[in-house]
């Protein structure tokens, strides 16, 4: 039973680390704010983390339309 619990905990930790790394890589990228996986991960983050991510993207891509989750109600302005 201990081995199973340890295995499940290891798998869960690996998923969290991989997901967090993938999200952070999207937030700090300089290519495009329209990466589908990055947008999905950013939308799944809790409010304050999502807001921080959107602020980082806005600094990098201020001249482009915001991705889904970072747009104001009209869809053309950053939050």
PDB file of N, CA and C in Angstrom:
ATOM      1  N   UNK A   1       0.820  -1.193   0.000  1.00  0.00           N
ATOM      2  CA  UNK A   1       0.000   0.000   0.000  1.00  0.00           C
ATOM      3  C   UNK A   1       0.869   1.265   0.000  1.00  0.00           C
ATOM      4  N   UNK A   2       1.989   1.200   0.749  1.00  0.00           N
ATOM      5  CA  UNK A   2       2.884   2.350   0.785  1.00  0.00           C
ATOM      6  C   UNK A   2       3.496   2.629  -0.580  1.00  0.00           C
ATOM      7  N   UNK A   3       3.826   1.566  -1.299  1.00  0.00           N
ATOM      8  CA  UNK A   3       4.403   1.735  -2.634  1.00  0.00           C
ATOM      9  C   UNK A   3       3.414   2.394  -3.594  1.00  0.00           C
ATOM     10  N   UNK A   4       2.170   1.983  -3.537  1.00  0.00           N
ATOM     11  CA  UNK A   4       1.140   2.569  -4.396  1.00  0.00           C
ATOM     12  C   UNK A   4       0.952   4.040  -4.078  1.00  0.00           C
ATOM     13  N   UNK A   5       0.898   4.371  -2.801  1.00  0.00           N
ATOM     14  CA  UNK A   5       0.739   5.771  -2.398  1.00  0.00           C
ATOM     15  C   UNK A   5       1.941   6.597  -2.854  1.00  0.00           C
ATOM     16  N   UNK A   6       3.124   6.065  -2.700  1.00  0.00           N
ATOM     17  CA  UNK A   6       4.323   6.767  -3.127  1.00  0.00           C
ATOM     18  C   UNK A   6       4.327   6.958  -4.648  1.00  0.00           C
ATOM     19  N   UNK A   7       3.917   5.948  -5.383  1.00  0.00           N
ATOM     20  CA  UNK A   7       3.848   6.044  -6.838  1.00  0.00           C
ATOM     21  C   UNK A   7       2.840   7.101  -7.273  1.00  0.00           C
ATOM     22  N   UNK A   8       1.671   7.096  -6.671  1.00  0.00           N
ATOM     23  CA  UNK A   8       0.647   8.090  -7.013  1.00  0.00           C
ATOM     24  C   UNK A   8       1.104   9.500  -6.667  1.00  0.00           C
ATOM     25  N   UNK A   9       1.765   9.649  -5.535  1.00  0.00           N
ATOM     26  CA  UNK A   9       2.278  10.948  -5.142  1.00  0.00           C
ATOM     27  C   UNK A   9       3.366  11.425  -6.105  1.00  0.00           C
ATOM     28  N   UNK A  10       4.221  10.535  -6.527  1.00  0.00           N
ATOM     29  CA  UNK A  10       5.267  10.875  -7.490  1.00  0.00           C
ATOM     30  C   UNK A  10       4.670  11.290  -8.832  1.00  0.00           C
ATOM     31  N   UNK A  11       3.674  10.570  -9.287  1.00  0.00           N
ATOM     32  CA  UNK A  11       3.012  10.909 -10.556  1.00  0.00           C
ATOM     33  C   UNK A  11       2.326  12.268 -10.453  1.00  0.00           C
ATOM     34  N   UNK A  12       1.629  12.504  -9.345  1.00  0.00           N
ATOM     35  CA  UNK A  12       0.948  13.790  -9.157  1.00  0.00           C
ATOM     36  C   UNK A  12       1.947  14.936  -9.121  1.00  0.00           C
ATOM     37  N   UNK A  13       3.048  14.746  -8.435  1.00  0.00           N
ATOM     38  CA  UNK A  13       4.074  15.785  -8.367  1.00  0.00           C
ATOM     39  C   UNK A  13       4.674  16.052  -9.741  1.00  0.00           C
ATOM     40  N   UNK A  14       4.918  15.001 -10.507  1.00  0.00           N
ATOM     41  CA  UNK A  14       5.465  15.167 -11.858  1.00  0.00           C
ATOM     42  C   UNK A  14       4.494  15.940 -12.754  1.00  0.00           C
ATOM     43  N   UNK A  15       3.213  15.645 -12.645  1.00  0.00           N
ATOM     44  CA  UNK A  15       2.213  16.367 -13.448  1.00  0.00           C
ATOM     45  C   UNK A  15       2.177  17.839 -13.061  1.00  0.00           C
ATOM     46  N   UNK A  16       2.217  18.134 -11.773  1.00  0.00           N
ATOM     47  CA  UNK A  16       2.191  19.527 -11.314  1.00  0.00           C
ATOM     48  C   UNK A  16       3.429  20.267 -11.796  1.00  0.00           C
ATOM     49  N   UNK A  17       4.592  19.653 -11.690  1.00  0.00           N
ATOM     50  CA  UNK A  17       5.831  20.300 -12.133  1.00  0.00           C
ATOM     51  C   UNK A  17       5.813  20.521 -13.644  1.00  0.00           C
ATOM     52  N   UNK A  18       5.413  19.516 -14.404  1.00  0.00           N
ATOM     53  CA  UNK A  18       5.371  19.654 -15.854  1.00  0.00           C
ATOM     54  C   UNK A  18       4.379  20.737 -16.280  1.00  0.00           C
ATOM     55  N   UNK A  19       3.199  20.735 -15.685  1.00  0.00           N
ATOM     56  CA  UNK A  19       2.175  21.729 -16.020  1.00  0.00           C
ATOM     57  C   UNK A  19       2.637  23.133 -15.651  1.00  0.00           C
ATOM     58  N   UNK A  20       3.219  23.284 -14.479  1.00  0.00           N
ATOM     59  CA  UNK A  20       3.715  24.591 -14.052  1.00  0.00           C
ATOM     60  C   UNK A  20       4.823  25.101 -14.946  1.00  0.00           C
ATOM     61  N   UNK A  21       5.733  24.201 -15.321  1.00  0.00           N
ATOM     62  CA  UNK A  21       6.811  24.600 -16.223  1.00  0.00           C
ATOM     63  C   UNK A  21       6.256  25.008 -17.577  1.00  0.00           C
ATOM     64  N   UNK A  22       5.311  24.267 -18.101  1.00  0.00           N
ATOM     65  CA  UNK A  22       4.728  24.562 -19.421  1.00  0.00           C
ATOM     66  C   UNK A  22       4.007  25.905 -19.390  1.00  0.00           C
ATOM     67  N   UNK A  23       3.289  26.174 -18.286  1.00  0.00           N
ATOM     68  CA  UNK A  23       2.583  27.445 -18.137  1.00  0.00           C
ATOM     69  C   UNK A  23       3.585  28.600 -18.058  1.00  0.00           C
ATOM     70  N   UNK A  24       4.621  28.446 -17.242  1.00  0.00           N
ATOM     71  CA  UNK A  24       5.613  29.506 -17.084  1.00  0.00           C
ATOM     72  C   UNK A  24       6.349  29.764 -18.394  1.00  0.00           C
ATOM     73  N   UNK A  25       6.626  28.713 -19.137  1.00  0.00           N
ATOM     74  CA  UNK A  25       7.268  28.881 -20.433  1.00  0.00           C
ATOM     75  C   UNK A  25       6.376  29.676 -21.387  1.00  0.00           C
ATOM     76  N   UNK A  26       5.072  29.462 -21.313  1.00  0.00           N
ATOM     77  CA  UNK A  26       4.134  30.228 -22.149  1.00  0.00           C
ATOM     78  C   UNK A  26       4.117  31.700 -21.725  1.00  0.00           C
ATOM     79  N   UNK A  27       4.065  31.962 -20.435  1.00  0.00           N
ATOM     80  CA  UNK A  27       3.971  33.330 -19.924  1.00  0.00           C
ATOM     81  C   UNK A  27       5.218  34.129 -20.271  1.00  0.00           C
ATOM     82  N   UNK A  28       6.383  33.497 -20.249  1.00  0.00           N
ATOM     83  CA  UNK A  28       7.629  34.218 -20.483  1.00  0.00           C
ATOM     84  C   UNK A  28       8.128  34.119 -21.923  1.00  0.00           C
ATOM     85  N   UNK A  29       7.317  33.579 -22.827  1.00  0.00           N
ATOM     86  CA  UNK A  29       7.757  33.441 -24.222  1.00  0.00           C
ATOM     87  C   UNK A  29       7.802  34.798 -24.911  1.00  0.00           C
ATOM     88  N   UNK A  30       8.479  34.858 -26.023  1.00  0.00           N
ATOM     89  CA  UNK A  30       8.551  36.097 -26.797  1.00  0.00           C
ATOM     90  C   UNK A  30       8.112  35.889 -28.239  1.00  0.00           C
ATOM     91  N   UNK A  31       7.549  34.707 -28.533  1.00  0.00           N
ATOM     92  CA  UNK A  31       7.140  34.404 -29.907  1.00  0.00           C
ATOM     93  C   UNK A  31       5.714  34.832 -30.204  1.00  0.00           C
ATOM     94  N   UNK A  32       4.770  34.323 -29.426  1.00  0.00           N
ATOM     95  CA  UNK A  32       3.362  34.573 -29.700  1.00  0.00           C
ATOM     96  C   UNK A  32       2.526  34.335 -28.438  1.00  0.00           C
ATOM     97  N   UNK A  33       1.513  35.172 -28.202  1.00  0.00           N
ATOM     98  CA  UNK A  33       0.642  34.938 -27.054  1.00  0.00           C
ATOM     99  C   UNK A  33      -0.502  33.975 -27.381  1.00  0.00           C
ATOM    100  N   UNK A  34      -0.510  33.406 -28.573  1.00  0.00           N
ATOM    101  CA  UNK A  34      -1.650  32.607 -29.027  1.00  0.00           C
ATOM    102  C   UNK A  34      -1.393  31.107 -29.044  1.00  0.00           C
ATOM    103  N   UNK A  35      -0.532  30.616 -28.175  1.00  0.00           N
ATOM    104  CA  UNK A  35      -0.286  29.185 -28.031  1.00  0.00           C
ATOM    105  C   UNK A  35      -1.493  28.552 -27.332  1.00  0.00           C
ATOM    106  N   UNK A  36      -2.152  27.609 -27.982  1.00  0.00           N
ATOM    107  CA  UNK A  36      -3.410  27.054 -27.470  1.00  0.00           C
ATOM    108  C   UNK A  36      -3.248  26.392 -26.109  1.00  0.00           C
ATOM    109  N   UNK A  37      -2.187  25.631 -25.945  1.00  0.00           N
ATOM    110  CA  UNK A  37      -1.980  24.948 -24.668  1.00  0.00           C
ATOM    111  C   UNK A  37      -1.691  25.967 -23.570  1.00  0.00           C
ATOM    112  N   UNK A  38      -0.887  26.959 -23.874  1.00  0.00           N
ATOM    113  CA  UNK A  38      -0.581  28.000 -22.899  1.00  0.00           C
ATOM    114  C   UNK A  38      -1.812  28.784 -22.489  1.00  0.00           C
ATOM    115  N   UNK A  39      -2.652  29.102 -23.448  1.00  0.00           N
ATOM    116  CA  UNK A  39      -3.893  29.823 -23.139  1.00  0.00           C
ATOM    117  C   UNK A  39      -4.777  28.988 -22.226  1.00  0.00           C
ATOM    118  N   UNK A  40      -4.898  27.705 -22.523  1.00  0.00           N
ATOM    119  CA  UNK A  40      -5.712  26.809 -21.705  1.00  0.00           C
ATOM    120  C   UNK A  40      -5.156  26.708 -20.290  1.00  0.00           C
ATOM    121  N   UNK A  41      -3.854  26.552 -20.172  1.00  0.00           N
ATOM    122  CA  UNK A  41      -3.246  26.461 -18.843  1.00  0.00           C
ATOM    123  C   UNK A  41      -3.412  27.764 -18.077  1.00  0.00           C
ATOM    124  N   UNK A  42      -3.242  28.893 -18.740  1.00  0.00           N
ATOM    125  CA  UNK A  42      -3.393  30.174 -18.060  1.00  0.00           C
ATOM    126  C   UNK A  42      -4.829  30.366 -17.571  1.00  0.00           C
ATOM    127  N   UNK A  43      -5.800  29.939 -18.374  1.00  0.00           N
ATOM    128  CA  UNK A  43      -7.198  30.054 -17.953  1.00  0.00           C
ATOM    129  C   UNK A  43      -7.517  29.143 -16.782  1.00  0.00           C
ATOM    130  N   UNK A  44      -6.811  28.031 -16.655  1.00  0.00           N
ATOM    131  CA  UNK A  44      -7.057  27.085 -15.576  1.00  0.00           C
ATOM    132  C   UNK A  44      -6.431  27.527 -14.251  1.00  0.00           C
ATOM    133  N   UNK A  45      -5.542  28.497 -14.301  1.00  0.00           N
ATOM    134  CA  UNK A  45      -4.874  28.954 -13.085  1.00  0.00           C
ATOM    135  C   UNK A  45      -5.836  29.769 -12.224  1.00  0.00           C
ATOM    136  N   UNK A  46      -5.618  29.755 -10.900  1.00  0.00           N
ATOM    137  CA  UNK A  46      -6.444  30.592 -10.010  1.00  0.00           C
ATOM    138  C   UNK A  46      -6.311  32.067 -10.370  1.00  0.00           C
ATOM    139  N   UNK A  47      -7.277  32.856  -9.965  1.00  0.00           N
ATOM    140  CA  UNK A  47      -7.365  34.270 -10.329  1.00  0.00           C
ATOM    141  C   UNK A  47      -6.094  35.086 -10.224  1.00  0.00           C
ATOM    142  N   UNK A  48      -5.432  35.118  -9.063  1.00  0.00           N
ATOM    143  CA  UNK A  48      -4.229  35.953  -8.953  1.00  0.00           C
ATOM    144  C   UNK A  48      -3.093  35.494  -9.868  1.00  0.00           C
ATOM    145  N   UNK A  49      -2.948  34.188 -10.039  1.00  0.00           N
ATOM    146  CA  UNK A  49      -1.891  33.673 -10.908  1.00  0.00           C
ATOM    147  C   UNK A  49      -2.224  33.975 -12.366  1.00  0.00           C
ATOM    148  N   UNK A  50      -3.495  33.844 -12.732  1.00  0.00           N
ATOM    149  CA  UNK A  50      -3.941  34.188 -14.080  1.00  0.00           C
ATOM    150  C   UNK A  50      -3.704  35.666 -14.355  1.00  0.00           C
ATOM    151  N   UNK A  51      -4.025  36.516 -13.402  1.00  0.00           N
ATOM    152  CA  UNK A  51      -3.824  37.956 -13.577  1.00  0.00           C
ATOM    153  C   UNK A  51      -2.358  38.301 -13.754  1.00  0.00           C
ATOM    154  N   UNK A  52      -1.498  37.643 -12.967  1.00  0.00           N
ATOM    155  CA  UNK A  52      -0.056  37.878 -13.092  1.00  0.00           C
ATOM    156  C   UNK A  52       0.418  37.448 -14.475  1.00  0.00           C
ATOM    157  N   UNK A  53      -0.049  36.295 -14.921  1.00  0.00           N
ATOM    158  CA  UNK A  53       0.334  35.806 -16.242  1.00  0.00           C
ATOM    159  C   UNK A  53      -0.120  36.740 -17.348  1.00  0.00           C
ATOM    160  N   UNK A  54      -1.350  37.223 -17.233  1.00  0.00           N
ATOM    161  CA  UNK A  54      -1.861  38.159 -18.245  1.00  0.00           C
ATOM    162  C   UNK A  54      -1.067  39.466 -18.237  1.00  0.00           C
ATOM    163  N   UNK A  55      -0.672  39.923 -17.051  1.00  0.00           N
ATOM    164  CA  UNK A  55       0.128  41.151 -16.969  1.00  0.00           C
ATOM    165  C   UNK A  55       1.480  40.957 -17.644  1.00  0.00           C
ATOM    166  N   UNK A  56       2.110  39.790 -17.446  1.00  0.00           N
ATOM    167  CA  UNK A  56       3.392  39.506 -18.100  1.00  0.00           C
ATOM    168  C   UNK A  56       3.218  39.457 -19.620  1.00  0.00           C
ATOM    169  N   UNK A  57       2.144  38.813 -20.072  1.00  0.00           N
ATOM    170  CA  UNK A  57       1.887  38.749 -21.515  1.00  0.00           C
ATOM    171  C   UNK A  57       1.609  40.137 -22.085  1.00  0.00           C
ATOM    172  N   UNK A  58       0.901  40.964 -21.333  1.00  0.00           N
ATOM    173  CA  UNK A  58       0.578  42.314 -21.797  1.00  0.00           C
ATOM    174  C   UNK A  58       1.848  43.145 -21.968  1.00  0.00           C
ATOM    175  N   UNK A  59       2.796  42.981 -21.057  1.00  0.00           N
ATOM    176  CA  UNK A  59       4.061  43.709 -21.174  1.00  0.00           C
ATOM    177  C   UNK A  59       4.800  43.288 -22.443  1.00  0.00           C
ATOM    178  N   UNK A  60       4.814  41.999 -22.702  1.00  0.00           N
ATOM    179  CA  UNK A  60       5.551  41.485 -23.860  1.00  0.00           C
ATOM    180  C   UNK A  60       4.837  41.746 -25.179  1.00  0.00           C
ATOM    181  N   UNK A  61       3.506  41.625 -25.187  1.00  0.00           N
ATOM    182  CA  UNK A  61       2.739  41.712 -26.435  1.00  0.00           C
ATOM    183  C   UNK A  61       1.701  42.837 -26.376  1.00  0.00           C
ATOM    184  N   UNK A  62       2.104  44.007 -25.925  1.00  0.00           N
ATOM    185  CA  UNK A  62       1.164  45.120 -25.749  1.00  0.00           C
ATOM    186  C   UNK A  62       0.496  45.544 -27.053  1.00  0.00           C
ATOM    187  N   UNK A  63       1.156  45.375 -28.172  1.00  0.00           N
ATOM    188  CA  UNK A  63       0.619  45.834 -29.445  1.00  0.00           C
ATOM    189  C   UNK A  63      -0.306  44.849 -30.140  1.00  0.00           C
ATOM    190  N   UNK A  64      -0.537  43.690 -29.552  1.00  0.00           N
ATOM    191  CA  UNK A  64      -1.385  42.691 -30.214  1.00  0.00           C
ATOM    192  C   UNK A  64      -2.658  42.448 -29.409  1.00  0.00           C
ATOM    193  N   UNK A  65      -3.597  41.767 -30.038  1.00  0.00           N
ATOM    194  CA  UNK A  65      -4.847  41.445 -29.350  1.00  0.00           C
ATOM    195  C   UNK A  65      -4.570  40.455 -28.219  1.00  0.00           C
ATOM    196  N   UNK A  66      -5.264  40.594 -27.108  1.00  0.00           N
ATOM    197  CA  UNK A  66      -5.028  39.689 -25.986  1.00  0.00           C
ATOM    198  C   UNK A  66      -5.590  38.292 -26.264  1.00  0.00           C
ATOM    199  N   UNK A  67      -4.940  37.265 -25.735  1.00  0.00           N
ATOM    200  CA  UNK A  67      -5.472  35.908 -25.885  1.00  0.00           C
ATOM    201  C   UNK A  67      -6.693  35.716 -24.998  1.00  0.00           C
ATOM    202  N   UNK A  68      -7.430  34.661 -25.268  1.00  0.00           N
ATOM    203  CA  UNK A  68      -8.610  34.338 -24.468  1.00  0.00           C
ATOM    204  C   UNK A  68      -8.201  34.209 -22.995  1.00  0.00           C
ATOM    205  N   UNK A  69      -8.970  34.817 -22.131  1.00  0.00           N
ATOM    206  CA  UNK A  69      -8.678  34.772 -20.708  1.00  0.00           C
ATOM    207  C   UNK A  69      -7.970  36.015 -20.221  1.00  0.00           C
ATOM    208  N   UNK A  70      -7.368  36.764 -21.132  1.00  0.00           N
ATOM    209  CA  UNK A  70      -6.685  38.006 -20.767  1.00  0.00           C
ATOM    210  C   UNK A  70      -7.380  39.227 -21.371  1.00  0.00           C
ATOM    211  N   UNK A  71      -8.475  38.994 -22.048  1.00  0.00           N
ATOM    212  CA  UNK A  71      -9.177  40.071 -22.729  1.00  0.00           C
ATOM    213  C   UNK A  71     -10.286  40.635 -21.851  1.00  0.00           C
ATOM    214  N   UNK A  72     -10.527  41.909 -22.006  1.00  0.00           N
ATOM    215  CA  UNK A  72     -11.660  42.567 -21.333  1.00  0.00           C
ATOM    216  C   UNK A  72     -12.943  42.113 -22.021  1.00  0.00           C
ATOM    217  N   UNK A  73     -14.047  42.668 -21.592  1.00  0.00           N
ATOM    218  CA  UNK A  73     -15.361  42.239 -22.096  1.00  0.00           C
ATOM    219  C   UNK A  73     -15.511  42.378 -23.615  1.00  0.00           C
ATOM    220  N   UNK A  74     -14.885  43.415 -24.190  1.00  0.00           N
ATOM    221  CA  UNK A  74     -15.027  43.602 -25.643  1.00  0.00           C
ATOM    222  C   UNK A  74     -14.118  42.687 -26.459  1.00  0.00           C
ATOM    223  N   UNK A  75     -13.162  42.041 -25.819  1.00  0.00           N
ATOM    224  CA  UNK A  75     -12.297  41.093 -26.515  1.00  0.00           C
ATOM    225  C   UNK A  75     -11.122  41.712 -27.227  1.00  0.00           C
ATOM    226  N   UNK A  76     -11.037  43.047 -27.252  1.00  0.00           N
ATOM    227  CA  UNK A  76      -9.940  43.698 -27.952  1.00  0.00           C
ATOM    228  C   UNK A  76      -8.974  44.413 -27.009  1.00  0.00           C
ATOM    229  N   UNK A  77      -9.358  44.580 -25.768  1.00  0.00           N
ATOM    230  CA  UNK A  77      -8.528  45.274 -24.776  1.00  0.00           C
ATOM    231  C   UNK A  77      -8.014  44.275 -23.739  1.00  0.00           C
ATOM    232  N   UNK A  78      -6.810  44.526 -23.232  1.00  0.00           N
ATOM    233  CA  UNK A  78      -6.265  43.688 -22.163  1.00  0.00           C
ATOM    234  C   UNK A  78      -6.985  44.003 -20.862  1.00  0.00           C
ATOM    235  N   UNK A  79      -7.078  43.021 -19.983  1.00  0.00           N
ATOM    236  CA  UNK A  79      -7.682  43.245 -18.667  1.00  0.00           C
ATOM    237  C   UNK A  79      -6.828  44.193 -17.867  1.00  0.00           C
TER     238      UNK A  79
END
